[in-house]
Amino acid sequence: MRDFWAEGLKNQRKGRLRKVAVLVIILLIIVAIICLISIYFFNAKFRNWCDENVLRKEILQEDTRYIELDGDGNTQVYAFENYICLFKKKTLEFYNKIGNQVHKIDLDINKAVFTSAGRYMVVCEENGQKFYLICDKDKIFENSVEGNISYVNVSKSGYVSVVTSDASYKSVVIVYDKNGEEIFKTNLVTSRVVDVAVSEDSKYLAIAEVDLSGIIIESKIQIISIELAQTNPEEAIIYKYDAQTDKLIINIEYQEQNKLICMYNDSIDILQDNVNNSLVELEDQKLLSITIGLDNRIALVEEVSTGDYTSDTRVRIINPATSKEREYILKDVAKSINNSENKIAINFGTELHIISRNGILIKKYISEQEINDVVMTDTLIGVAYRDKIQIINI
């Protein structure tokens, strides 16, 4: 009997030891995974090695689908949502991710200018009067304006902002809702509008303007309440900001919490709650590209000299809310840069690196020939050649 109980206690101890051993092994595996993930995110050399040898993020041109072009040099290419769009002979064609045509729309324009946000796309005549709003693949409305269209913008909620110029005014800004109804119009006599943006909650319209009529450059930003513009236009302008003398406003973009990102010739600023703060100074870097069009990020692409005849490309991705940065560095000089809301494509000639807004490589595309152009959304990329468009699904 005594031996029976002794044997039972011995088996219980062995069982507990096994459980402890299994638990320790599981904890060690979890710690190892956390360490590897941390090293992957914060050690560029280790991350590049993993991307190439473990995660196999490389894709060859021969492994992708493509859309054949008919040799018409006037064909324009644009990426919208899940489609590659080809515009030729007044027809906009939609192709899916495997290169099949799924829809087409007739547009009475010759040379198109495209812009899009979310489910909405605007197509207008370059330096013309006509424009169209498209939702998904359907034409919602068409309209025309007096004067020539110099700029057009669309928000994720379908508000269309059209900037025109005519003999009487430097610029005219007209805002339409998604049904094509005009809800706001303003004329600027001495200033020229360089950009417009609608906030993510569709409450505010920002207008960036430059006055070059005097001996100094004057850059200004107006914030307009879209609701008041419809009910009480005289009170619609709720804030005006005058930048420092000789600062040239280039681009504006709304991000989360109604932060207005403002790109000047020498800095990137944030305008929020009627307070302006400088985020990045742009005086010393050898910049290849700047984008403020990412979702709650800005990106600066710099050429960094590493020797007498060698340079690297460094992509700095900055979170405006926290000022924290991520970097992506390549030992070559980029030829061009494109971006969607959450991704950046860096063209090195015969290589295309697609990275996330956190600076992590998503895919590396290897081309058999020089890449002419790139169009992209968050879900696909079109790599343009003379005779075809290769499709990369991301």
Protein backbone atom coordinates (compact mmCIF):
# COMPACT_ATOMS: atom_id res chain seq x y z
CA MET A 1 0.00 0.00 0.00
CA ARG A 2 2.85 2.32 0.92
CA ASP A 3 4.53 1.58 -2.41
CA PHE A 4 1.28 2.39 -4.24
CA TRP A 5 1.01 5.88 -2.68
CA ALA A 6 4.72 6.51 -3.23
CA GLU A 7 4.35 5.60 -6.87
CA GLY A 8 1.32 7.90 -7.18
CA LEU A 9 3.20 10.87 -5.67
CA LYS A 10 6.13 10.18 -7.95
CA ASN A 11 3.84 10.23 -11.01
CA GLN A 12 2.23 13.50 -9.85
CA ARG A 13 5.67 15.11 -9.52
CA LYS A 14 6.61 13.93 -13.00
CA GLY A 15 3.34 15.34 -14.35
CA ARG A 16 3.96 18.71 -12.71
CA LEU A 17 7.54 18.75 -13.99
CA ARG A 18 6.31 18.03 -17.52
CA LYS A 19 3.80 20.87 -17.31
CA VAL A 20 6.45 23.25 -15.98
CA ALA A 21 8.86 22.16 -18.72
CA VAL A 22 6.21 22.66 -21.45
CA LEU A 23 5.29 26.07 -20.00
CA VAL A 24 8.95 27.13 -19.89
CA ILE A 25 9.46 26.00 -23.50
CA ILE A 26 6.35 27.92 -24.63
CA LEU A 27 7.51 31.05 -22.79
CA LEU A 28 10.99 30.74 -24.34
CA ILE A 29 9.43 30.40 -27.81
CA ILE A 30 7.23 33.47 -27.20
CA VAL A 31 10.23 35.49 -25.96
CA ALA A 32 12.28 34.37 -28.98
CA ILE A 33 9.48 35.36 -31.38
CA ILE A 34 9.12 38.78 -29.70
CA CYS A 35 12.91 39.28 -29.89
CA LEU A 36 13.00 38.29 -33.58
CA ILE A 37 10.08 40.60 -34.39
CA SER A 38 11.75 43.48 -32.52
CA ILE A 39 15.05 42.87 -34.31
CA TYR A 40 13.19 42.64 -37.64
CA PHE A 41 11.52 46.01 -37.16
CA PHE A 42 14.51 47.88 -35.75
CA ASN A 43 17.53 46.29 -37.48
CA ALA A 44 17.57 47.14 -41.19
CA LYS A 45 20.27 44.59 -42.15
CA PHE A 46 18.47 41.71 -40.42
CA ARG A 47 15.15 42.83 -41.92
CA ASN A 48 16.60 42.92 -45.45
CA TRP A 49 18.10 39.43 -44.98
CA CYS A 50 14.75 38.04 -43.76
CA ASP A 51 12.83 39.70 -46.59
CA GLU A 52 15.12 38.12 -49.19
CA ASN A 53 15.84 34.69 -47.70
CA VAL A 54 12.96 33.85 -45.34
CA LEU A 55 9.83 35.77 -46.34
CA ARG A 56 10.56 35.60 -50.07
CA LYS A 57 9.09 39.01 -50.89
CA GLU A 58 10.72 39.15 -54.31
CA ILE A 59 8.45 38.89 -57.38
CA LEU A 60 9.62 38.62 -61.00
CA GLN A 61 8.06 40.37 -63.99
CA GLU A 62 7.38 37.01 -65.66
CA ASP A 63 5.23 35.94 -62.68
CA THR A 64 2.76 38.85 -62.97
CA ARG A 65 -0.36 39.35 -65.13
CA TYR A 66 -0.40 42.16 -67.69
CA ILE A 67 -2.59 44.35 -69.89
CA GLU A 68 -1.50 44.66 -73.51
CA LEU A 69 -1.39 48.14 -75.06
CA ASP A 70 -2.22 48.69 -78.71
CA GLY A 71 0.71 51.00 -79.36
CA ASP A 72 -1.37 54.18 -79.14
CA GLY A 73 1.02 56.68 -77.58
CA ASN A 74 -1.91 58.78 -76.39
CA THR A 75 -3.16 56.11 -73.93
CA GLN A 76 -3.23 57.40 -70.34
CA VAL A 77 -2.90 55.04 -67.37
CA TYR A 78 -4.31 55.53 -63.86
CA ALA A 79 -4.88 53.28 -60.83
CA PHE A 80 -8.19 53.57 -58.96
CA GLU A 81 -9.36 51.34 -56.10
CA ASN A 82 -9.01 47.74 -57.40
CA TYR A 83 -8.64 48.72 -61.06
CA ILE A 84 -6.09 49.79 -63.62
CA CYS A 85 -7.75 52.42 -65.83
CA LEU A 86 -6.79 53.13 -69.43
CA PHE A 87 -8.07 56.30 -71.10
CA LYS A 88 -7.92 56.50 -74.89
CA LYS A 89 -10.11 57.86 -77.67
CA LYS A 90 -12.54 59.38 -75.13
CA THR A 91 -13.14 56.03 -73.40
CA LEU A 92 -12.15 55.09 -69.84
CA GLU A 93 -11.57 51.33 -69.53
CA PHE A 94 -11.45 49.47 -66.20
CA TYR A 95 -9.25 46.35 -65.80
CA ASN A 96 -9.26 44.06 -62.77
CA LYS A 97 -6.32 42.48 -60.89
CA ILE A 98 -5.87 39.71 -63.45
CA GLY A 99 -5.85 42.05 -66.44
CA ASN A 100 -9.41 41.53 -67.71
CA GLN A 101 -11.52 44.48 -68.85
CA VAL A 102 -14.61 44.67 -66.64
CA HIS A 103 -16.17 48.01 -67.57
CA LYS A 104 -15.83 51.13 -69.70
CA ILE A 105 -17.25 54.67 -69.67
CA ASP A 106 -17.42 57.22 -72.49
CA LEU A 107 -16.06 60.65 -71.48
CA ASP A 108 -16.25 63.63 -73.82
CA ILE A 109 -12.73 64.91 -73.15
CA ASN A 110 -9.44 64.61 -75.02
CA LYS A 111 -6.56 64.68 -72.52
CA ALA A 112 -7.57 63.67 -68.98
CA VAL A 113 -6.44 64.72 -65.52
CA PHE A 114 -7.24 62.22 -62.74
CA THR A 115 -7.61 62.50 -58.98
CA SER A 116 -9.26 60.14 -56.50
CA ALA A 117 -10.00 59.47 -52.84
CA GLY A 118 -11.61 56.31 -51.49
CA ARG A 119 -14.49 55.22 -53.77
CA TYR A 120 -14.56 58.49 -55.75
CA MET A 121 -12.58 59.60 -58.79
CA VAL A 122 -12.74 62.85 -60.76
CA VAL A 123 -11.67 63.04 -64.39
CA CYS A 124 -11.40 66.45 -66.01
CA GLU A 125 -10.21 67.93 -69.29
CA GLU A 126 -6.68 69.30 -69.01
CA ASN A 127 -7.00 73.11 -69.19
CA GLY A 128 -10.63 72.61 -70.21
CA GLN A 129 -14.09 73.17 -68.73
CA LYS A 130 -15.62 69.70 -68.33
CA PHE A 131 -15.26 67.23 -65.45
CA TYR A 132 -16.87 63.95 -64.29
CA LEU A 133 -17.39 62.33 -60.88
CA ILE A 134 -17.11 58.53 -60.81
CA CYS A 135 -18.02 56.29 -57.86
CA ASP A 136 -16.68 52.74 -58.02
CA LYS A 137 -17.11 52.20 -61.80
CA ASP A 138 -20.25 54.32 -62.31
CA LYS A 139 -20.47 57.87 -63.64
CA ILE A 140 -22.38 59.91 -61.02
CA PHE A 141 -22.51 63.28 -62.77
CA GLU A 142 -20.80 65.51 -65.29
CA ASN A 143 -20.50 69.26 -65.23
CA SER A 144 -18.68 72.14 -66.85
CA VAL A 145 -17.37 75.47 -65.59
CA GLU A 146 -16.53 78.87 -66.98
CA GLY A 147 -12.84 79.54 -67.47
CA ASN A 148 -10.19 76.83 -67.56
CA ILE A 149 -9.76 74.17 -64.88
CA SER A 150 -6.33 74.51 -63.30
CA TYR A 151 -6.84 72.07 -60.41
CA VAL A 152 -9.45 69.59 -59.19
CA ASN A 153 -9.78 67.67 -55.92
CA VAL A 154 -12.19 65.08 -54.51
CA SER A 155 -12.72 63.99 -50.90
CA LYS A 156 -13.55 60.51 -49.58
CA SER A 157 -17.14 61.69 -49.09
CA GLY A 158 -17.49 62.79 -52.73
CA TYR A 159 -17.09 66.58 -52.40
CA VAL A 160 -15.52 67.95 -55.59
CA SER A 161 -13.43 71.13 -55.46
CA VAL A 162 -12.67 72.78 -58.80
CA VAL A 163 -10.18 75.62 -59.22
CA THR A 164 -10.48 77.68 -62.39
CA SER A 165 -8.91 80.83 -63.78
CA ASP A 166 -10.37 83.45 -66.08
CA ALA A 167 -9.72 86.99 -67.25
CA SER A 168 -11.42 88.62 -64.26
CA TYR A 169 -9.93 86.62 -61.38
CA LYS A 170 -6.63 84.93 -60.56
CA SER A 171 -8.55 81.90 -59.28
CA VAL A 172 -12.12 80.78 -58.68
CA VAL A 173 -12.88 77.94 -56.24
CA ILE A 174 -16.16 76.02 -56.64
CA VAL A 175 -17.25 73.16 -54.39
CA TYR A 176 -19.88 70.57 -55.41
CA ASP A 177 -21.49 67.84 -53.34
CA LYS A 178 -21.56 64.23 -54.55
CA ASN A 179 -24.83 64.88 -56.41
CA GLY A 180 -23.29 67.67 -58.48
CA GLU A 181 -24.98 70.55 -56.61
CA GLU A 182 -22.83 73.67 -56.23
CA ILE A 183 -22.53 74.49 -52.51
CA PHE A 184 -19.77 77.10 -52.40
CA LYS A 185 -17.97 79.54 -54.67
CA THR A 186 -15.31 82.15 -53.98
CA ASN A 187 -13.31 84.50 -56.22
CA LEU A 188 -9.71 85.52 -55.54
CA VAL A 189 -8.66 88.69 -57.32
CA THR A 190 -4.94 88.97 -56.46
CA SER A 191 -4.00 85.50 -55.19
CA ARG A 192 -3.61 82.24 -57.07
CA VAL A 193 -4.89 79.01 -55.54
CA VAL A 194 -2.21 76.29 -55.44
CA ASP A 195 -4.16 73.58 -53.60
CA VAL A 196 -7.42 72.78 -51.82
CA ALA A 197 -8.35 70.05 -49.33
CA VAL A 198 -11.52 68.83 -47.57
CA SER A 199 -11.25 67.51 -44.01
CA GLU A 200 -11.89 63.81 -43.33
CA ASP A 201 -15.18 64.63 -41.56
CA SER A 202 -16.23 66.81 -44.55
CA LYS A 203 -16.76 69.83 -42.30
CA TYR A 204 -13.99 72.09 -43.57
CA LEU A 205 -12.49 73.24 -46.85
CA ALA A 206 -8.91 74.56 -46.78
CA ILE A 207 -7.65 76.82 -49.58
CA ALA A 208 -3.92 77.45 -50.01
CA GLU A 209 -3.16 80.58 -52.01
CA VAL A 210 -0.10 82.58 -53.07
CA ASP A 211 0.03 86.30 -53.80
CA LEU A 212 2.89 87.20 -56.14
CA SER A 213 1.61 90.66 -57.04
CA GLY A 214 4.06 92.48 -54.75
CA ILE A 215 7.82 92.35 -54.27
CA ILE A 216 7.56 89.62 -51.64
CA ILE A 217 5.84 86.24 -51.63
CA GLU A 218 2.71 86.03 -49.48
CA SER A 219 1.26 82.59 -48.74
CA LYS A 220 -2.13 82.31 -47.08
CA ILE A 221 -4.52 79.58 -45.96
CA GLN A 222 -8.28 79.98 -45.55
CA ILE A 223 -10.38 77.51 -43.56
CA ILE A 224 -14.03 77.49 -44.66
CA SER A 225 -16.97 75.83 -42.93
CA ILE A 226 -18.81 73.80 -45.58
CA GLU A 227 -22.03 73.92 -43.53
CA LEU A 228 -21.92 77.73 -43.19
CA ALA A 229 -21.02 78.02 -46.88
CA GLN A 230 -24.43 76.53 -47.66
CA THR A 231 -26.47 78.46 -45.06
CA ASN A 232 -24.57 81.68 -44.36
CA PRO A 233 -21.83 82.25 -46.98
CA GLU A 234 -20.73 85.60 -45.53
CA GLU A 235 -19.67 83.87 -42.29
CA ALA A 236 -18.23 80.75 -43.96
CA ILE A 237 -14.55 81.74 -43.62
CA ILE A 238 -13.80 80.76 -40.01
CA TYR A 239 -10.01 81.19 -39.99
CA LYS A 240 -7.23 82.78 -42.02
CA TYR A 241 -3.53 82.08 -41.62
CA ASP A 242 -0.75 84.23 -43.10
CA ALA A 243 2.57 82.40 -43.40
CA GLN A 244 5.88 84.13 -42.77
CA THR A 245 7.12 86.40 -45.53
CA ASP A 246 8.77 84.64 -48.49
CA LYS A 247 7.46 81.18 -47.50
CA LEU A 248 5.96 79.59 -50.60
CA ILE A 249 3.03 77.23 -49.99
CA ILE A 250 3.17 74.21 -52.33
CA ASN A 251 0.67 71.64 -51.10
CA ILE A 252 -1.85 70.97 -48.31
CA GLU A 253 -3.51 67.78 -47.08
CA TYR A 254 -5.96 67.01 -44.27
CA GLN A 255 -5.14 64.11 -41.96
CA GLU A 256 -6.88 62.67 -38.88
CA GLN A 257 -8.36 64.98 -36.20
CA ASN A 258 -8.53 67.80 -38.77
CA LYS A 259 -4.76 68.28 -38.84
CA LEU A 260 -3.91 70.28 -41.96
CA ILE A 261 -0.43 69.35 -43.19
CA CYS A 262 1.11 72.29 -45.08
CA MET A 263 4.16 71.86 -47.30
CA TYR A 264 6.19 74.99 -47.97
CA ASN A 265 9.41 75.46 -49.92
CA ASP A 266 11.44 75.34 -46.70
CA SER A 267 9.35 73.40 -44.15
CA ILE A 268 6.40 71.15 -43.43
CA ASP A 269 3.98 72.62 -40.89
CA ILE A 270 0.87 71.42 -39.08
CA LEU A 271 -2.15 73.72 -38.74
CA GLN A 272 -4.62 72.47 -36.11
CA ASP A 273 -7.10 74.30 -33.87
CA ASN A 274 -5.90 77.61 -35.36
CA VAL A 275 -2.32 76.94 -34.19
CA ASN A 276 0.58 76.48 -36.62
CA ASN A 277 3.63 74.39 -35.69
CA SER A 278 6.66 73.45 -37.76
CA LEU A 279 7.25 69.70 -38.11
CA VAL A 280 10.23 69.40 -40.49
CA GLU A 281 12.74 71.91 -41.83
CA LEU A 282 13.70 71.35 -45.49
CA GLU A 283 16.86 73.37 -45.85
CA ASP A 284 19.81 70.94 -45.68
CA GLN A 285 18.61 67.67 -47.21
CA LYS A 286 19.18 66.63 -50.82
CA LEU A 287 15.54 65.72 -51.36
CA LEU A 288 14.36 63.51 -54.20
CA SER A 289 10.69 63.64 -53.23
CA ILE A 290 8.25 64.68 -50.50
CA THR A 291 4.72 63.41 -49.98
CA ILE A 292 2.13 64.51 -47.45
CA GLY A 293 -0.55 62.35 -49.09
CA LEU A 294 -0.05 59.23 -46.96
CA ASP A 295 -2.67 58.29 -44.37
CA ASN A 296 -1.51 60.15 -41.24
CA ARG A 297 2.12 60.07 -42.32
CA ILE A 298 4.51 62.21 -44.33
CA ALA A 299 7.48 60.84 -46.25
CA LEU A 300 10.76 62.45 -47.25
CA VAL A 301 12.97 60.67 -49.77
CA GLU A 302 16.59 61.81 -49.56
CA GLU A 303 19.78 61.07 -51.48
CA VAL A 304 22.54 60.44 -48.94
CA SER A 305 26.16 60.50 -50.14
CA THR A 306 28.21 57.48 -49.01
CA GLY A 307 31.39 58.19 -51.00
CA ASP A 308 32.84 60.14 -53.91
CA TYR A 309 30.67 58.35 -56.47
CA THR A 310 28.10 56.43 -54.40
CA SER A 311 24.85 57.39 -52.72
CA ASP A 312 22.00 55.73 -50.82
CA THR A 313 18.30 56.47 -50.90
CA ARG A 314 16.80 57.07 -47.46
CA VAL A 315 13.04 57.19 -46.95
CA ARG A 316 12.03 58.94 -43.72
CA ILE A 317 8.42 58.27 -42.73
CA ILE A 318 7.18 60.61 -40.00
CA ASN A 319 4.05 60.38 -37.85
CA PRO A 320 2.88 64.02 -37.47
CA ALA A 321 0.97 63.22 -34.27
CA THR A 322 4.01 61.84 -32.40
CA SER A 323 6.98 63.05 -34.54
CA LYS A 324 8.29 59.45 -34.46
CA GLU A 325 10.20 58.31 -37.53
CA ARG A 326 10.79 55.08 -39.43
CA GLU A 327 13.46 54.69 -42.12
CA TYR A 328 13.98 52.56 -45.21
CA ILE A 329 17.47 52.69 -46.75
CA LEU A 330 18.64 51.31 -50.10
CA LYS A 331 22.17 51.39 -51.54
CA ASP A 332 21.15 53.01 -54.80
CA VAL A 333 19.60 56.27 -56.00
CA ALA A 334 15.86 56.23 -56.71
CA LYS A 335 14.67 57.30 -60.14
CA SER A 336 11.07 58.08 -59.09
CA ILE A 337 8.68 57.68 -56.16
CA ASN A 338 4.93 57.08 -56.07
CA ASN A 339 2.51 56.58 -53.20
CA SER A 340 -1.03 55.61 -52.31
CA GLU A 341 -2.65 56.20 -48.91
CA ASN A 342 -0.66 53.54 -47.06
CA LYS A 343 2.12 52.41 -49.38
CA ILE A 344 5.15 53.85 -51.18
CA ALA A 345 6.71 52.53 -54.40
CA ILE A 346 10.37 53.38 -55.04
CA ASN A 347 11.59 52.91 -58.61
CA PHE A 348 15.29 52.05 -59.04
CA GLY A 349 15.07 51.45 -62.80
CA THR A 350 14.72 47.66 -63.00
CA GLU A 351 13.70 47.17 -59.36
CA LEU A 352 10.58 48.46 -57.65
CA HIS A 353 10.45 48.41 -53.85
CA ILE A 354 6.97 48.61 -52.33
CA ILE A 355 7.05 49.56 -48.64
CA SER A 356 4.40 50.23 -46.00
CA ARG A 357 3.92 53.53 -44.22
CA ASN A 358 5.90 51.94 -41.34
CA GLY A 359 8.97 51.49 -43.52
CA ILE A 360 8.62 47.72 -43.98
CA LEU A 361 9.22 46.07 -47.36
CA ILE A 362 6.02 44.51 -48.73
CA LYS A 363 7.29 43.35 -52.12
CA LYS A 364 10.30 43.81 -54.37
CA TYR A 365 9.49 43.63 -58.08
CA ILE A 366 12.30 42.67 -60.47
CA SER A 367 11.82 43.95 -64.02
CA GLU A 368 13.35 42.59 -67.21
CA GLN A 369 13.54 46.10 -68.65
CA GLU A 370 13.58 49.73 -67.56
CA ILE A 371 10.39 50.79 -65.77
CA ASN A 372 8.78 53.76 -67.53
CA ASP A 373 6.09 54.73 -65.02
CA VAL A 374 4.17 53.46 -61.99
CA VAL A 375 0.53 53.93 -60.96
CA MET A 376 -0.77 52.54 -57.69
CA THR A 377 -3.46 52.16 -55.06
CA ASP A 378 -3.34 50.35 -51.72
CA THR A 379 -4.32 47.06 -53.39
CA LEU A 380 -2.48 46.99 -56.71
CA ILE A 381 0.30 48.55 -58.77
CA GLY A 382 0.55 49.06 -62.51
CA VAL A 383 4.08 49.07 -63.94
CA ALA A 384 3.99 50.84 -67.29
CA TYR A 385 6.08 49.85 -70.29
CA ARG A 386 5.79 50.88 -73.92
CA ASP A 387 3.61 47.94 -74.93
CA LYS A 388 1.99 46.66 -71.70
CA ILE A 389 1.08 47.27 -68.09
CA GLN A 390 2.28 44.64 -65.58
CA ILE A 391 -0.04 44.21 -62.56
CA ILE A 392 1.33 43.65 -59.05
CA ASN A 393 -1.21 42.65 -56.40
CA ILE A 394 -0.28 43.87 -52.92
